[in-house]
Amino acid sequence: MTANRILLILAIMLCCATGYFSYKTSREVKELKAQAQVAEQKIDSLMIATAKIAKSTKTVSSKAQPKSFWELLFSELEAEEKAAASQKKAAEARAKVTVSTSYRLEDRYVVGKVELPEALGSQAGTITVNVSVSKYGDVKKTSVAEGATITDSEVIEAVRKAALKTNFNSNFDAPDIVEGTITYTFKGK
């Protein structure tokens, strides 16, 4: 009979342990659900506040005001898809056009390489950029020389930005500013 009593006590203890852990688990699940609801409410209120700020600064159109976290998320995904499509278009344009460069600057040379423009367009031709270079080798000022055979303003601006990023060697014996040119030649494939 003592063996039966031991088994009965073990069974009771097992039932109590199962009940305790079930209660503890259900209480933790309820706490997690409450925390998730609070977090979701905070996210929604942040999204609404962001939408109000965007509306007040007119960065989001009035007909496309996001109302919840999910709508804002989907609008961001659409914007990323558009950006990827424009990058793909730019890559296709680069595949159609190659750029070669040359430069003239007395007693100076390019450190590394002449920077290439990001926008290449689809036209073939040349753009010469007048550059003003400091004795430290930094391009301080640029202007497009007359006679450019490419008229695409986006490409011209990209060429000017690329020329500004180009670095020349330092020459402390040189004047403060030295004038020169960088020529970009665009060829179709």
N, C-alpha and C. Protein backbone atom coordinates (compact mmCIF):
# COMPACT_ATOMS: atom_id res chain seq x y z
N MET A 1 0.80 -1.19 0.00
CA MET A 1 0.00 0.00 0.00
C MET A 1 0.85 1.26 0.00
N THR A 2 1.98 1.18 0.52
CA THR A 2 2.83 2.36 0.53
C THR A 2 3.26 2.73 -0.88
N ALA A 3 3.40 1.75 -1.75
CA ALA A 3 3.77 2.04 -3.14
C ALA A 3 2.63 2.77 -3.83
N ASN A 4 1.39 2.39 -3.53
CA ASN A 4 0.24 3.08 -4.11
C ASN A 4 0.15 4.53 -3.62
N ARG A 5 0.45 4.71 -2.34
CA ARG A 5 0.41 6.05 -1.79
C ARG A 5 1.49 6.95 -2.44
N ILE A 6 2.65 6.38 -2.64
CA ILE A 6 3.74 7.14 -3.27
C ILE A 6 3.34 7.52 -4.69
N LEU A 7 2.75 6.60 -5.41
CA LEU A 7 2.30 6.88 -6.78
C LEU A 7 1.21 7.95 -6.77
N LEU A 8 0.30 7.87 -5.79
CA LEU A 8 -0.76 8.86 -5.68
C LEU A 8 -0.19 10.24 -5.37
N ILE A 9 0.77 10.31 -4.47
CA ILE A 9 1.40 11.59 -4.14
C ILE A 9 2.15 12.14 -5.35
N LEU A 10 2.85 11.29 -6.08
CA LEU A 10 3.56 11.72 -7.29
C LEU A 10 2.59 12.22 -8.35
N ALA A 11 1.45 11.54 -8.50
CA ALA A 11 0.45 11.98 -9.47
C ALA A 11 -0.12 13.34 -9.08
N ILE A 12 -0.39 13.54 -7.78
CA ILE A 12 -0.91 14.83 -7.31
C ILE A 12 0.13 15.92 -7.54
N MET A 13 1.39 15.61 -7.24
CA MET A 13 2.46 16.59 -7.44
C MET A 13 2.59 16.93 -8.94
N LEU A 14 2.45 15.93 -9.78
CA LEU A 14 2.54 16.15 -11.23
C LEU A 14 1.39 17.04 -11.70
N CYS A 15 0.20 16.81 -11.20
CA CYS A 15 -0.95 17.65 -11.57
C CYS A 15 -0.76 19.08 -11.08
N CYS A 16 -0.25 19.23 -9.86
CA CYS A 16 -0.01 20.58 -9.33
C CYS A 16 1.05 21.30 -10.16
N ALA A 17 2.12 20.59 -10.51
CA ALA A 17 3.19 21.21 -11.31
C ALA A 17 2.65 21.61 -12.68
N THR A 18 1.87 20.75 -13.30
CA THR A 18 1.29 21.06 -14.60
C THR A 18 0.38 22.28 -14.50
N GLY A 19 -0.44 22.34 -13.47
CA GLY A 19 -1.32 23.48 -13.28
C GLY A 19 -0.53 24.76 -13.05
N TYR A 20 0.53 24.70 -12.24
CA TYR A 20 1.34 25.87 -11.96
C TYR A 20 1.99 26.40 -13.23
N PHE A 21 2.62 25.51 -14.00
CA PHE A 21 3.30 25.95 -15.22
C PHE A 21 2.32 26.44 -16.29
N SER A 22 1.13 25.83 -16.33
CA SER A 22 0.11 26.32 -17.26
C SER A 22 -0.33 27.72 -16.88
N TYR A 23 -0.54 27.95 -15.58
CA TYR A 23 -0.93 29.27 -15.11
C TYR A 23 0.17 30.29 -15.40
N LYS A 24 1.41 29.92 -15.09
CA LYS A 24 2.54 30.82 -15.31
C LYS A 24 2.68 31.16 -16.79
N THR A 25 2.55 30.16 -17.67
CA THR A 25 2.67 30.38 -19.10
C THR A 25 1.53 31.25 -19.62
N SER A 26 0.31 31.00 -19.17
CA SER A 26 -0.82 31.82 -19.64
C SER A 26 -0.67 33.26 -19.16
N ARG A 27 -0.15 33.46 -17.93
CA ARG A 27 0.07 34.81 -17.43
C ARG A 27 1.14 35.52 -18.27
N GLU A 28 2.21 34.82 -18.64
CA GLU A 28 3.26 35.42 -19.47
C GLU A 28 2.73 35.75 -20.86
N VAL A 29 1.89 34.88 -21.41
CA VAL A 29 1.30 35.15 -22.72
C VAL A 29 0.42 36.39 -22.66
N LYS A 30 -0.38 36.53 -21.61
CA LYS A 30 -1.21 37.72 -21.46
C LYS A 30 -0.37 38.98 -21.36
N GLU A 31 0.74 38.91 -20.59
CA GLU A 31 1.62 40.07 -20.47
C GLU A 31 2.24 40.42 -21.82
N LEU A 32 2.66 39.41 -22.58
CA LEU A 32 3.25 39.67 -23.89
C LEU A 32 2.22 40.28 -24.85
N LYS A 33 0.98 39.80 -24.79
CA LYS A 33 -0.07 40.37 -25.63
C LYS A 33 -0.31 41.84 -25.27
N ALA A 34 -0.33 42.13 -23.98
CA ALA A 34 -0.56 43.51 -23.54
C ALA A 34 0.61 44.40 -24.00
N GLN A 35 1.83 43.90 -23.88
CA GLN A 35 2.99 44.67 -24.33
C GLN A 35 2.94 44.90 -25.84
N ALA A 36 2.53 43.88 -26.58
CA ALA A 36 2.43 44.01 -28.04
C ALA A 36 1.38 45.05 -28.42
N GLN A 37 0.25 45.06 -27.72
CA GLN A 37 -0.79 46.05 -28.00
C GLN A 37 -0.29 47.46 -27.70
N VAL A 38 0.42 47.62 -26.61
CA VAL A 38 0.96 48.94 -26.26
C VAL A 38 1.96 49.38 -27.32
N ALA A 39 2.84 48.46 -27.74
CA ALA A 39 3.84 48.79 -28.76
C ALA A 39 3.16 49.15 -30.07
N GLU A 40 2.13 48.41 -30.46
CA GLU A 40 1.42 48.71 -31.70
C GLU A 40 0.74 50.08 -31.63
N GLN A 41 0.15 50.40 -30.48
CA GLN A 41 -0.47 51.71 -30.32
C GLN A 41 0.56 52.83 -30.40
N LYS A 42 1.74 52.60 -29.81
CA LYS A 42 2.80 53.61 -29.87
C LYS A 42 3.28 53.80 -31.31
N ILE A 43 3.44 52.69 -32.03
CA ILE A 43 3.89 52.77 -33.43
C ILE A 43 2.85 53.51 -34.27
N ASP A 44 1.58 53.18 -34.09
CA ASP A 44 0.53 53.87 -34.84
C ASP A 44 0.51 55.37 -34.50
N SER A 45 0.66 55.70 -33.22
CA SER A 45 0.64 57.12 -32.87
C SER A 45 1.86 57.83 -33.44
N LEU A 46 3.01 57.16 -33.48
CA LEU A 46 4.20 57.76 -34.09
C LEU A 46 4.00 57.95 -35.60
N MET A 47 3.37 56.99 -36.25
CA MET A 47 3.13 57.10 -37.68
C MET A 47 2.14 58.24 -37.97
N ILE A 48 1.13 58.37 -37.14
CA ILE A 48 0.17 59.46 -37.33
C ILE A 48 0.86 60.80 -37.11
N ALA A 49 1.71 60.88 -36.07
CA ALA A 49 2.44 62.12 -35.81
C ALA A 49 3.38 62.43 -36.97
N THR A 50 4.05 61.42 -37.50
CA THR A 50 4.94 61.61 -38.65
C THR A 50 4.15 62.11 -39.86
N ALA A 51 2.98 61.53 -40.07
CA ALA A 51 2.15 61.95 -41.19
C ALA A 51 1.70 63.39 -41.01
N LYS A 52 1.37 63.79 -39.78
CA LYS A 52 0.96 65.17 -39.53
C LYS A 52 2.12 66.13 -39.79
N ILE A 53 3.31 65.74 -39.35
CA ILE A 53 4.48 66.58 -39.60
C ILE A 53 4.74 66.68 -41.09
N ALA A 54 4.66 65.55 -41.77
CA ALA A 54 4.89 65.56 -43.21
C ALA A 54 3.85 66.42 -43.92
N LYS A 55 2.61 66.35 -43.45
CA LYS A 55 1.56 67.16 -44.05
C LYS A 55 1.82 68.64 -43.82
N SER A 56 2.29 68.97 -42.62
CA SER A 56 2.54 70.38 -42.32
C SER A 56 3.72 70.92 -43.11
N THR A 57 4.68 70.06 -43.45
CA THR A 57 5.82 70.50 -44.26
C THR A 57 5.62 70.22 -45.74
N LYS A 58 4.45 69.66 -46.07
CA LYS A 58 4.05 69.40 -47.45
C LYS A 58 5.02 68.48 -48.18
N THR A 59 5.60 67.48 -47.44
CA THR A 59 6.47 66.51 -48.10
C THR A 59 5.69 65.30 -48.58
N VAL A 60 4.47 65.12 -48.04
CA VAL A 60 3.63 64.01 -48.46
C VAL A 60 2.38 64.62 -49.08
N SER A 61 1.97 64.12 -50.23
CA SER A 61 0.79 64.69 -50.88
C SER A 61 -0.45 64.47 -50.03
N SER A 62 -1.42 65.37 -50.15
CA SER A 62 -2.60 65.31 -49.30
C SER A 62 -3.46 64.10 -49.60
N LYS A 63 -3.42 63.60 -50.82
CA LYS A 63 -4.28 62.45 -51.13
C LYS A 63 -3.66 61.13 -50.70
N ALA A 64 -2.37 61.11 -50.33
CA ALA A 64 -1.71 59.87 -49.98
C ALA A 64 -1.22 59.88 -48.54
N GLN A 65 -1.98 60.44 -47.61
CA GLN A 65 -1.58 60.47 -46.22
C GLN A 65 -1.63 59.06 -45.63
N PRO A 66 -0.50 58.55 -45.12
CA PRO A 66 -0.54 57.24 -44.48
C PRO A 66 -1.33 57.31 -43.18
N LYS A 67 -2.14 56.30 -42.95
CA LYS A 67 -2.98 56.30 -41.76
C LYS A 67 -2.49 55.32 -40.72
N SER A 68 -1.67 54.39 -41.13
CA SER A 68 -1.18 53.41 -40.17
C SER A 68 0.24 53.03 -40.53
N PHE A 69 0.82 52.28 -39.64
CA PHE A 69 2.19 51.80 -39.85
C PHE A 69 2.31 51.02 -41.15
N TRP A 70 1.35 50.18 -41.44
CA TRP A 70 1.42 49.32 -42.63
C TRP A 70 1.33 50.12 -43.91
N GLU A 71 0.46 51.13 -43.95
CA GLU A 71 0.37 51.96 -45.16
C GLU A 71 1.67 52.72 -45.39
N LEU A 72 2.26 53.23 -44.32
CA LEU A 72 3.54 53.92 -44.45
C LEU A 72 4.63 52.96 -44.92
N LEU A 73 4.63 51.76 -44.38
CA LEU A 73 5.60 50.75 -44.77
C LEU A 73 5.47 50.43 -46.26
N PHE A 74 4.24 50.24 -46.73
CA PHE A 74 4.03 49.92 -48.14
C PHE A 74 4.42 51.10 -49.04
N SER A 75 4.17 52.33 -48.58
CA SER A 75 4.57 53.48 -49.39
C SER A 75 6.09 53.58 -49.47
N GLU A 76 6.78 53.24 -48.38
CA GLU A 76 8.25 53.24 -48.41
C GLU A 76 8.77 52.16 -49.35
N LEU A 77 8.13 51.00 -49.34
CA LEU A 77 8.54 49.92 -50.26
C LEU A 77 8.35 50.35 -51.71
N GLU A 78 7.26 51.02 -52.01
CA GLU A 78 7.04 51.52 -53.37
C GLU A 78 8.11 52.53 -53.76
N ALA A 79 8.49 53.40 -52.82
CA ALA A 79 9.55 54.38 -53.10
C ALA A 79 10.88 53.68 -53.37
N GLU A 80 11.16 52.63 -52.61
CA GLU A 80 12.40 51.87 -52.83
C GLU A 80 12.38 51.18 -54.19
N GLU A 81 11.22 50.66 -54.60
CA GLU A 81 11.11 50.03 -55.91
C GLU A 81 11.35 51.05 -57.03
N LYS A 82 10.81 52.27 -56.86
CA LYS A 82 11.03 53.31 -57.87
C LYS A 82 12.51 53.69 -57.94
N ALA A 83 13.16 53.78 -56.78
CA ALA A 83 14.58 54.12 -56.75
C ALA A 83 15.40 53.02 -57.42
N ALA A 84 15.03 51.77 -57.18
CA ALA A 84 15.75 50.66 -57.82
C ALA A 84 15.56 50.69 -59.34
N ALA A 85 14.35 51.06 -59.78
CA ALA A 85 14.10 51.14 -61.22
C ALA A 85 14.93 52.26 -61.85
N SER A 86 15.05 53.40 -61.15
CA SER A 86 15.85 54.50 -61.71
C SER A 86 17.33 54.14 -61.71
N GLN A 87 17.80 53.38 -60.71
CA GLN A 87 19.18 52.92 -60.70
C GLN A 87 19.43 51.95 -61.85
N LYS A 88 18.44 51.10 -62.12
CA LYS A 88 18.57 50.16 -63.23
C LYS A 88 18.65 50.91 -64.55
N LYS A 89 17.82 51.95 -64.68
CA LYS A 89 17.83 52.77 -65.90
C LYS A 89 19.19 53.45 -66.07
N ALA A 90 19.74 53.96 -64.98
CA ALA A 90 21.06 54.60 -65.04
C ALA A 90 22.14 53.59 -65.41
N ALA A 91 22.03 52.38 -64.88
CA ALA A 91 23.00 51.34 -65.22
C ALA A 91 22.91 50.97 -66.69
N GLU A 92 21.69 50.93 -67.23
CA GLU A 92 21.53 50.64 -68.65
C GLU A 92 22.13 51.75 -69.50
N ALA A 93 21.98 53.00 -69.05
CA ALA A 93 22.58 54.12 -69.77
C ALA A 93 24.09 54.03 -69.73
N ARG A 94 24.65 53.63 -68.57
CA ARG A 94 26.09 53.48 -68.47
C ARG A 94 26.59 52.38 -69.39
N ALA A 95 25.77 51.34 -69.58
CA ALA A 95 26.17 50.25 -70.45
C ALA A 95 26.22 50.70 -71.91
N LYS A 96 25.49 51.75 -72.26
CA LYS A 96 25.45 52.23 -73.63
C LYS A 96 26.51 53.28 -73.92
N VAL A 97 27.06 53.90 -72.87
CA VAL A 97 28.01 55.00 -73.05
C VAL A 97 29.25 54.73 -72.20
N THR A 98 30.43 54.98 -72.80
CA THR A 98 31.67 54.92 -72.04
C THR A 98 32.26 56.32 -71.94
N VAL A 99 33.03 56.56 -70.89
CA VAL A 99 33.61 57.87 -70.66
C VAL A 99 35.12 57.72 -70.54
N SER A 100 35.84 58.57 -71.27
CA SER A 100 37.28 58.66 -71.09
C SER A 100 37.60 60.10 -70.69
N THR A 101 38.71 60.28 -70.01
CA THR A 101 39.05 61.60 -69.49
C THR A 101 40.49 61.97 -69.85
N SER A 102 40.72 63.26 -69.90
CA SER A 102 42.08 63.78 -70.01
C SER A 102 42.10 65.11 -69.26
N TYR A 103 43.29 65.56 -68.87
CA TYR A 103 43.36 66.81 -68.13
C TYR A 103 44.63 67.56 -68.51
N ARG A 104 44.58 68.87 -68.27
CA ARG A 104 45.74 69.75 -68.47
C ARG A 104 45.83 70.64 -67.24
N LEU A 105 46.98 70.52 -66.56
CA LEU A 105 47.24 71.37 -65.41
C LEU A 105 48.76 71.42 -65.25
N GLU A 106 49.30 72.58 -65.39
CA GLU A 106 50.74 72.74 -65.44
C GLU A 106 51.42 72.23 -64.17
N ASP A 107 52.42 71.36 -64.34
CA ASP A 107 53.25 70.80 -63.26
C ASP A 107 52.45 70.08 -62.18
N ARG A 108 51.30 69.56 -62.53
CA ARG A 108 50.47 68.83 -61.55
C ARG A 108 49.98 67.56 -62.19
N TYR A 109 49.66 66.56 -61.36
CA TYR A 109 49.08 65.32 -61.84
C TYR A 109 47.95 64.88 -60.91
N VAL A 110 47.09 64.03 -61.44
CA VAL A 110 45.93 63.54 -60.69
C VAL A 110 46.39 62.48 -59.69
N VAL A 111 45.93 62.60 -58.48
CA VAL A 111 46.18 61.59 -57.47
C VAL A 111 45.07 60.54 -57.60
N GLY A 112 45.43 59.33 -57.91
CA GLY A 112 44.44 58.27 -58.14
C GLY A 112 43.96 58.32 -59.58
N LYS A 113 42.76 58.80 -59.78
CA LYS A 113 42.19 58.90 -61.13
C LYS A 113 41.22 60.07 -61.18
N VAL A 114 40.93 60.50 -62.39
CA VAL A 114 39.93 61.54 -62.58
C VAL A 114 38.57 60.91 -62.27
N GLU A 115 37.82 61.55 -61.42
CA GLU A 115 36.49 61.02 -61.05
C GLU A 115 35.57 61.03 -62.27
N LEU A 116 34.77 59.98 -62.40
CA LEU A 116 33.81 59.89 -63.50
C LEU A 116 32.44 60.38 -63.02
N PRO A 117 31.65 60.95 -63.92
CA PRO A 117 30.32 61.44 -63.53
C PRO A 117 29.37 60.28 -63.27
N GLU A 118 28.39 60.51 -62.38
CA GLU A 118 27.40 59.48 -62.07
C GLU A 118 26.36 59.36 -63.17
N ALA A 119 25.93 60.47 -63.74
CA ALA A 119 24.94 60.45 -64.81
C ALA A 119 25.66 60.51 -66.15
N LEU A 120 25.35 59.57 -67.04
CA LEU A 120 26.03 59.52 -68.32
C LEU A 120 25.15 59.90 -69.49
N GLY A 121 23.86 59.85 -69.31
CA GLY A 121 22.95 60.18 -70.41
C GLY A 121 23.11 59.19 -71.56
N SER A 122 22.68 59.61 -72.74
CA SER A 122 22.76 58.73 -73.90
C SER A 122 23.46 59.40 -75.08
N GLN A 123 23.88 60.65 -74.90
CA GLN A 123 24.53 61.39 -75.98
C GLN A 123 26.03 61.11 -76.00
N ALA A 124 26.60 61.14 -77.21
CA ALA A 124 28.04 61.05 -77.37
C ALA A 124 28.57 62.45 -77.59
N GLY A 125 29.77 62.73 -77.12
CA GLY A 125 30.36 64.05 -77.31
C GLY A 125 31.37 64.34 -76.23
N THR A 126 31.74 65.61 -76.09
CA THR A 126 32.74 66.00 -75.11
C THR A 126 32.25 67.19 -74.28
N ILE A 127 32.74 67.23 -73.06
CA ILE A 127 32.51 68.37 -72.17
C ILE A 127 33.86 68.69 -71.55
N THR A 128 34.28 69.92 -71.69
CA THR A 128 35.52 70.37 -71.05
C THR A 128 35.15 71.26 -69.88
N VAL A 129 35.78 70.97 -68.75
CA VAL A 129 35.48 71.70 -67.52
C VAL A 129 36.74 72.48 -67.11
N ASN A 130 36.58 73.79 -66.93
CA ASN A 130 37.67 74.61 -66.40
C ASN A 130 37.72 74.38 -64.89
N VAL A 131 38.92 74.11 -64.35
CA VAL A 131 39.06 73.85 -62.92
C VAL A 131 40.06 74.81 -62.30
N SER A 132 39.78 75.22 -61.09
CA SER A 132 40.70 76.02 -60.29
C SER A 132 41.16 75.14 -59.14
N VAL A 133 42.49 74.87 -59.10
CA VAL A 133 43.05 73.91 -58.14
C VAL A 133 43.93 74.65 -57.15
N SER A 134 43.75 74.34 -55.87
CA SER A 134 44.57 74.96 -54.83
C SER A 134 45.95 74.30 -54.79
N LYS A 135 46.87 74.90 -54.05
CA LYS A 135 48.20 74.32 -53.96
C LYS A 135 48.18 73.01 -53.17
N TYR A 136 47.07 72.75 -52.48
CA TYR A 136 46.92 71.48 -51.75
C TYR A 136 46.36 70.37 -52.64
N GLY A 137 45.97 70.71 -53.87
CA GLY A 137 45.48 69.72 -54.82
C GLY A 137 43.98 69.59 -54.90
N ASP A 138 43.24 70.40 -54.14
CA ASP A 138 41.78 70.34 -54.16
C ASP A 138 41.23 71.21 -55.28
N VAL A 139 40.21 70.69 -55.98
CA VAL A 139 39.52 71.50 -56.98
C VAL A 139 38.55 72.40 -56.24
N LYS A 140 38.75 73.70 -56.35
CA LYS A 140 37.95 74.66 -55.61
C LYS A 140 36.77 75.21 -56.40
N LYS A 141 36.94 75.30 -57.73
CA LYS A 141 35.89 75.91 -58.55
C LYS A 141 35.89 75.24 -59.92
N THR A 142 34.70 75.11 -60.49
CA THR A 142 34.57 74.54 -61.84
C THR A 142 33.62 75.38 -62.67
N SER A 143 33.82 75.33 -63.96
CA SER A 143 32.87 75.93 -64.90
C SER A 143 33.01 75.18 -66.22
N VAL A 144 31.91 75.04 -66.92
CA VAL A 144 31.93 74.32 -68.19
C VAL A 144 32.43 75.27 -69.27
N ALA A 145 33.44 74.82 -70.01
CA ALA A 145 34.01 75.64 -71.08
C ALA A 145 33.06 75.65 -72.27
N GLU A 146 33.15 76.68 -73.07
CA GLU A 146 32.33 76.76 -74.28
C GLU A 146 32.74 75.66 -75.25
N GLY A 147 31.81 75.25 -76.07
CA GLY A 147 32.10 74.24 -77.09
C GLY A 147 31.71 72.83 -76.68
N ALA A 148 30.99 72.67 -75.57
CA ALA A 148 30.54 71.34 -75.16
C ALA A 148 29.55 70.82 -76.18
N THR A 149 29.72 69.56 -76.60
CA THR A 149 28.83 68.99 -77.61
C THR A 149 27.69 68.20 -76.98
N ILE A 150 27.64 68.13 -75.67
CA ILE A 150 26.54 67.47 -74.96
C ILE A 150 25.71 68.55 -74.30
N THR A 151 24.40 68.49 -74.48
CA THR A 151 23.51 69.54 -73.98
C THR A 151 22.66 69.10 -72.79
N ASP A 152 22.73 67.83 -72.41
CA ASP A 152 21.94 67.31 -71.30
C ASP A 152 22.41 67.96 -69.99
N SER A 153 21.54 68.78 -69.37
CA SER A 153 21.93 69.53 -68.17
C SER A 153 22.28 68.61 -67.01
N GLU A 154 21.63 67.45 -66.90
CA GLU A 154 21.92 66.51 -65.83
C GLU A 154 23.35 65.96 -65.98
N VAL A 155 23.75 65.66 -67.20
CA VAL A 155 25.09 65.15 -67.45
C VAL A 155 26.12 66.25 -67.19
N ILE A 156 25.82 67.46 -67.62
CA ILE A 156 26.75 68.58 -67.40
C ILE A 156 26.97 68.81 -65.91
N GLU A 157 25.90 68.78 -65.13
CA GLU A 157 26.03 68.97 -63.69
C GLU A 157 26.80 67.81 -63.06
N ALA A 158 26.56 66.58 -63.54
CA ALA A 158 27.29 65.42 -63.02
C ALA A 158 28.78 65.53 -63.33
N VAL A 159 29.11 66.06 -64.50
CA VAL A 159 30.52 66.24 -64.88
C VAL A 159 31.17 67.29 -63.97
N ARG A 160 30.48 68.38 -63.69
CA ARG A 160 31.03 69.40 -62.80
C ARG A 160 31.26 68.84 -61.39
N LYS A 161 30.31 68.05 -60.88
CA LYS A 161 30.47 67.44 -59.56
C LYS A 161 31.63 66.46 -59.54
N ALA A 162 31.79 65.69 -60.63
CA ALA A 162 32.91 64.75 -60.70
C ALA A 162 34.24 65.50 -60.72
N ALA A 163 34.29 66.60 -61.45
CA ALA A 163 35.53 67.39 -61.50
C ALA A 163 35.87 67.94 -60.12
N LEU A 164 34.86 68.34 -59.34
CA LEU A 164 35.10 68.83 -57.98
C LEU A 164 35.67 67.75 -57.06
N LYS A 165 35.34 66.50 -57.33
CA LYS A 165 35.81 65.39 -56.50
C LYS A 165 37.22 64.93 -56.87
N THR A 166 37.71 65.36 -58.02
CA THR A 166 39.04 64.94 -58.48
C THR A 166 40.11 65.64 -57.64
N ASN A 167 41.15 64.89 -57.27
CA ASN A 167 42.24 65.45 -56.46
C ASN A 167 43.54 65.43 -57.26
N PHE A 168 44.29 66.51 -57.14
CA PHE A 168 45.61 66.62 -57.76
C PHE A 168 46.67 66.60 -56.67
N ASN A 169 47.92 66.42 -57.09
CA ASN A 169 49.00 66.40 -56.11
C ASN A 169 49.20 67.78 -55.49
N SER A 170 49.75 67.79 -54.28
CA SER A 170 50.05 69.04 -53.59
C SER A 170 51.35 69.62 -54.15
N ASN A 171 51.42 70.94 -54.23
CA ASN A 171 52.64 71.62 -54.65
C ASN A 171 52.67 72.94 -53.90
N PHE A 172 53.43 72.96 -52.81
CA PHE A 172 53.44 74.13 -51.94
C PHE A 172 54.22 75.30 -52.55
N ASP A 173 54.99 75.03 -53.62
CA ASP A 173 55.70 76.11 -54.30
C ASP A 173 54.82 76.77 -55.36
N ALA A 174 53.69 76.17 -55.67
CA ALA A 174 52.79 76.69 -56.70
C ALA A 174 51.99 77.86 -56.16
N PRO A 175 51.40 78.65 -57.05
CA PRO A 175 50.51 79.72 -56.60
C PRO A 175 49.30 79.14 -55.84
N ASP A 176 48.59 80.01 -55.12
CA ASP A 176 47.44 79.53 -54.33
C ASP A 176 46.41 78.83 -55.21
N ILE A 177 46.15 79.35 -56.40
CA ILE A 177 45.18 78.76 -57.32
C ILE A 177 45.83 78.61 -58.69
N VAL A 178 45.70 77.42 -59.28
CA VAL A 178 46.22 77.14 -60.62
C VAL A 178 45.03 76.76 -61.49
N GLU A 179 44.97 77.30 -62.69
CA GLU A 179 43.87 77.03 -63.62
C GLU A 179 44.25 75.90 -64.57
N GLY A 180 43.27 75.04 -64.88
CA GLY A 180 43.48 73.95 -65.83
C GLY A 180 42.15 73.47 -66.38
N THR A 181 42.18 72.33 -67.07
CA THR A 181 40.95 71.78 -67.64
C THR A 181 40.91 70.27 -67.46
N ILE A 182 39.71 69.75 -67.38
CA ILE A 182 39.47 68.30 -67.44
C ILE A 182 38.47 68.10 -68.57
N THR A 183 38.79 67.21 -69.50
CA THR A 183 37.90 66.93 -70.62
C THR A 183 37.31 65.53 -70.46
N TYR A 184 36.01 65.46 -70.56
CA TYR A 184 35.27 64.19 -70.50
C TYR A 184 34.76 63.89 -71.90
N THR A 185 35.13 62.71 -72.42
CA THR A 185 34.69 62.30 -73.75
C THR A 185 33.73 61.12 -73.60
N PHE A 186 32.50 61.29 -74.08
CA PHE A 186 31.47 60.26 -74.02
C PHE A 186 31.37 59.59 -75.37
N LYS A 187 31.45 58.25 -75.37
CA LYS A 187 31.35 57.49 -76.64
C LYS A 187 30.24 56.45 -76.48
N GLY A 188 29.43 56.31 -77.52
CA GLY A 188 28.39 55.28 -77.53
C GLY A 188 29.00 53.94 -77.88
N LYS A 189 28.41 52.89 -77.33
CA LYS A 189 28.91 51.53 -77.63
C LYS A 189 28.26 50.97 -78.84
